[in-house]
Amino acid sequence: MGHFLKERGAFKLIEELLWVVNDEFLFIVPALWVIGFALKKTPFFPDWAIIWALLLVSVVSAFSFFGVTVQAFAQGVSVAGVAVFSHQLFKQSTIEAKKKRKM
């Protein structure tokens, strides 16, 4: 699997995204994964709204961590992007690949 991802440049893209994010704020990424998983399992919460909820949580967390600034907003958006992108990268390169092999 690692070779597959390296060929596609996915690791390089994640490295670039992580370079933008403040190291002290990376702890929010796994928290966003857990929140996203919980929302996905919530029957009355629509799938299309999950990314918006994660973005809101991320930006509000950044504001509380760094203060209400443009830079904090950018950190919140960047961290939400890293969380969503890394989840989709994992999902599409493992779970979806297994589904295609079964067909």
C-alpha atoms as a PDB file:
ATOM      1  CA  MET A   1       0.000   0.000   0.000  1.00  0.00           C
ATOM      2  CA  GLY A   2       2.816   2.453   0.837  1.00  0.00           C
ATOM      3  CA  HIS A   3       4.325   2.047  -2.622  1.00  0.00           C
ATOM      4  CA  PHE A   4       0.936   2.771  -4.195  1.00  0.00           C
ATOM      5  CA  LEU A   5       0.601   5.998  -2.225  1.00  0.00           C
ATOM      6  CA  LYS A   6       4.166   7.116  -2.887  1.00  0.00           C
ATOM      7  CA  GLU A   7       3.669   6.695  -6.627  1.00  0.00           C
ATOM      8  CA  ARG A   8       0.671   8.975  -6.486  1.00  0.00           C
ATOM      9  CA  GLY A   9       2.519  11.640  -4.491  1.00  0.00           C
ATOM     10  CA  ALA A  10       0.035  11.473  -1.629  1.00  0.00           C
ATOM     11  CA  PHE A  11       2.724  11.420   1.044  1.00  0.00           C
ATOM     12  CA  LYS A  12       4.323  14.490  -0.514  1.00  0.00           C
ATOM     13  CA  LEU A  13       0.990  16.299  -0.447  1.00  0.00           C
ATOM     14  CA  ILE A  14       0.402  15.440   3.207  1.00  0.00           C
ATOM     15  CA  GLU A  15       3.924  16.640   4.040  1.00  0.00           C
ATOM     16  CA  GLU A  16       3.177  19.941   2.311  1.00  0.00           C
ATOM     17  CA  LEU A  17      -0.106  20.343   4.182  1.00  0.00           C
ATOM     18  CA  LEU A  18       1.519  19.527   7.517  1.00  0.00           C
ATOM     19  CA  TRP A  19       4.206  22.118   6.857  1.00  0.00           C
ATOM     20  CA  VAL A  20       1.485  24.798   6.847  1.00  0.00           C
ATOM     21  CA  VAL A  21      -0.092  23.648  10.127  1.00  0.00           C
ATOM     22  CA  ASN A  22       1.309  24.737  13.479  1.00  0.00           C
ATOM     23  CA  ASP A  23       2.818  21.688  15.218  1.00  0.00           C
ATOM     24  CA  GLU A  24       1.103  22.635  18.480  1.00  0.00           C
ATOM     25  CA  PHE A  25      -2.289  22.348  16.798  1.00  0.00           C
ATOM     26  CA  LEU A  26      -1.886  18.940  15.137  1.00  0.00           C
ATOM     27  CA  PHE A  27      -3.563  17.247  18.106  1.00  0.00           C
ATOM     28  CA  ILE A  28      -6.898  18.359  16.678  1.00  0.00           C
ATOM     29  CA  VAL A  29      -6.579  16.081  13.606  1.00  0.00           C
ATOM     30  CA  PRO A  30      -7.327  12.807  15.458  1.00  0.00           C
ATOM     31  CA  ALA A  31     -10.061  14.596  17.394  1.00  0.00           C
ATOM     32  CA  LEU A  32     -11.675  15.600  14.097  1.00  0.00           C
ATOM     33  CA  TRP A  33     -11.455  11.987  12.891  1.00  0.00           C
ATOM     34  CA  VAL A  34     -13.342  10.837  15.996  1.00  0.00           C
ATOM     35  CA  ILE A  35     -15.940  13.590  15.669  1.00  0.00           C
ATOM     36  CA  GLY A  36     -16.400  12.785  11.976  1.00  0.00           C
ATOM     37  CA  PHE A  37     -16.821   9.078  12.751  1.00  0.00           C
ATOM     38  CA  ALA A  38     -19.409   9.860  15.416  1.00  0.00           C
ATOM     39  CA  LEU A  39     -21.320  12.168  13.081  1.00  0.00           C
ATOM     40  CA  LYS A  40     -21.223   9.542  10.316  1.00  0.00           C
ATOM     41  CA  LYS A  41     -22.890   7.059  12.683  1.00  0.00           C
ATOM     42  CA  THR A  42     -25.536   9.597  13.775  1.00  0.00           C
ATOM     43  CA  PRO A  43     -28.671   8.760  11.755  1.00  0.00           C
ATOM     44  CA  PHE A  44     -30.185  12.248  11.700  1.00  0.00           C
ATOM     45  CA  PHE A  45     -26.966  14.077  10.723  1.00  0.00           C
ATOM     46  CA  PRO A  46     -26.606  14.314   6.909  1.00  0.00           C
ATOM     47  CA  ASP A  47     -23.313  13.196   5.372  1.00  0.00           C
ATOM     48  CA  TRP A  48     -22.909  16.415   3.407  1.00  0.00           C
ATOM     49  CA  ALA A  49     -22.880  18.424   6.650  1.00  0.00           C
ATOM     50  CA  ILE A  50     -20.037  16.460   8.285  1.00  0.00           C
ATOM     51  CA  ILE A  51     -17.280  18.422   6.573  1.00  0.00           C
ATOM     52  CA  TRP A  52     -18.917  21.709   7.561  1.00  0.00           C
ATOM     53  CA  ALA A  53     -19.228  20.584  11.180  1.00  0.00           C
ATOM     54  CA  LEU A  54     -15.570  19.539  11.216  1.00  0.00           C
ATOM     55  CA  LEU A  55     -14.562  22.876   9.717  1.00  0.00           C
ATOM     56  CA  LEU A  56     -16.577  24.728  12.359  1.00  0.00           C
ATOM     57  CA  VAL A  57     -15.078  22.690  15.212  1.00  0.00           C
ATOM     58  CA  SER A  58     -11.597  23.189  13.811  1.00  0.00           C
ATOM     59  CA  VAL A  59     -11.902  26.958  13.370  1.00  0.00           C
ATOM     60  CA  VAL A  60     -13.520  27.463  16.782  1.00  0.00           C
ATOM     61  CA  SER A  61     -10.749  25.358  18.341  1.00  0.00           C
ATOM     62  CA  ALA A  62      -8.115  27.418  16.565  1.00  0.00           C
ATOM     63  CA  PHE A  63      -9.726  30.633  17.788  1.00  0.00           C
ATOM     64  CA  SER A  64      -9.726  29.347  21.369  1.00  0.00           C
ATOM     65  CA  PHE A  65      -6.137  28.135  21.059  1.00  0.00           C
ATOM     66  CA  PHE A  66      -4.551  31.097  19.186  1.00  0.00           C
ATOM     67  CA  GLY A  67      -7.079  33.914  19.610  1.00  0.00           C
ATOM     68  CA  VAL A  68      -9.418  35.320  16.995  1.00  0.00           C
ATOM     69  CA  THR A  69      -7.043  36.183  14.160  1.00  0.00           C
ATOM     70  CA  VAL A  70      -6.798  35.579  10.454  1.00  0.00           C
ATOM     71  CA  GLN A  71      -3.853  33.275  11.111  1.00  0.00           C
ATOM     72  CA  ALA A  72      -5.929  31.208  13.568  1.00  0.00           C
ATOM     73  CA  PHE A  73      -8.703  30.964  10.984  1.00  0.00           C
ATOM     74  CA  ALA A  74      -6.173  29.734   8.415  1.00  0.00           C
ATOM     75  CA  GLN A  75      -4.869  27.161  10.920  1.00  0.00           C
ATOM     76  CA  GLY A  76      -8.403  25.916  11.555  1.00  0.00           C
ATOM     77  CA  VAL A  77      -9.124  25.560   7.850  1.00  0.00           C
ATOM     78  CA  SER A  78      -5.755  23.878   7.224  1.00  0.00           C
ATOM     79  CA  VAL A  79      -6.204  21.356  10.029  1.00  0.00           C
ATOM     80  CA  ALA A  80      -9.718  20.505   8.851  1.00  0.00           C
ATOM     81  CA  GLY A  81      -8.286  20.006   5.379  1.00  0.00           C
ATOM     82  CA  VAL A  82      -5.557  17.698   6.673  1.00  0.00           C
ATOM     83  CA  ALA A  83      -8.090  15.673   8.672  1.00  0.00           C
ATOM     84  CA  VAL A  84     -10.569  15.271   5.811  1.00  0.00           C
ATOM     85  CA  PHE A  85      -7.890  14.653   3.177  1.00  0.00           C
ATOM     86  CA  SER A  86      -6.025  12.073   5.260  1.00  0.00           C
ATOM     87  CA  HIS A  87      -9.272  10.257   6.065  1.00  0.00           C
ATOM     88  CA  GLN A  88     -10.259  10.139   2.395  1.00  0.00           C
ATOM     89  CA  LEU A  89      -6.764   9.034   1.428  1.00  0.00           C
ATOM     90  CA  PHE A  90      -6.945   6.150   3.888  1.00  0.00           C
ATOM     91  CA  LYS A  91     -10.498   5.244   2.931  1.00  0.00           C
ATOM     92  CA  GLN A  92      -9.952   5.266  -0.813  1.00  0.00           C
ATOM     93  CA  SER A  93      -6.632   3.446  -0.752  1.00  0.00           C
ATOM     94  CA  THR A  94      -7.664   0.693   1.683  1.00  0.00           C
ATOM     95  CA  ILE A  95     -11.388   0.229   2.124  1.00  0.00           C
ATOM     96  CA  GLU A  96     -12.423   1.045  -1.448  1.00  0.00           C
ATOM     97  CA  ALA A  97      -9.533  -1.010  -2.838  1.00  0.00           C
ATOM     98  CA  LYS A  98     -10.734  -4.044  -0.849  1.00  0.00           C
ATOM     99  CA  LYS A  99     -14.260  -3.578  -2.230  1.00  0.00           C
ATOM    100  CA  LYS A 100     -12.945  -3.516  -5.812  1.00  0.00           C
ATOM    101  CA  ARG A 101     -10.888  -6.671  -5.257  1.00  0.00           C
ATOM    102  CA  LYS A 102     -14.003  -8.523  -4.101  1.00  0.00           C
ATOM    103  CA  MET A 103     -15.876  -7.684  -7.296  1.00  0.00           C
END
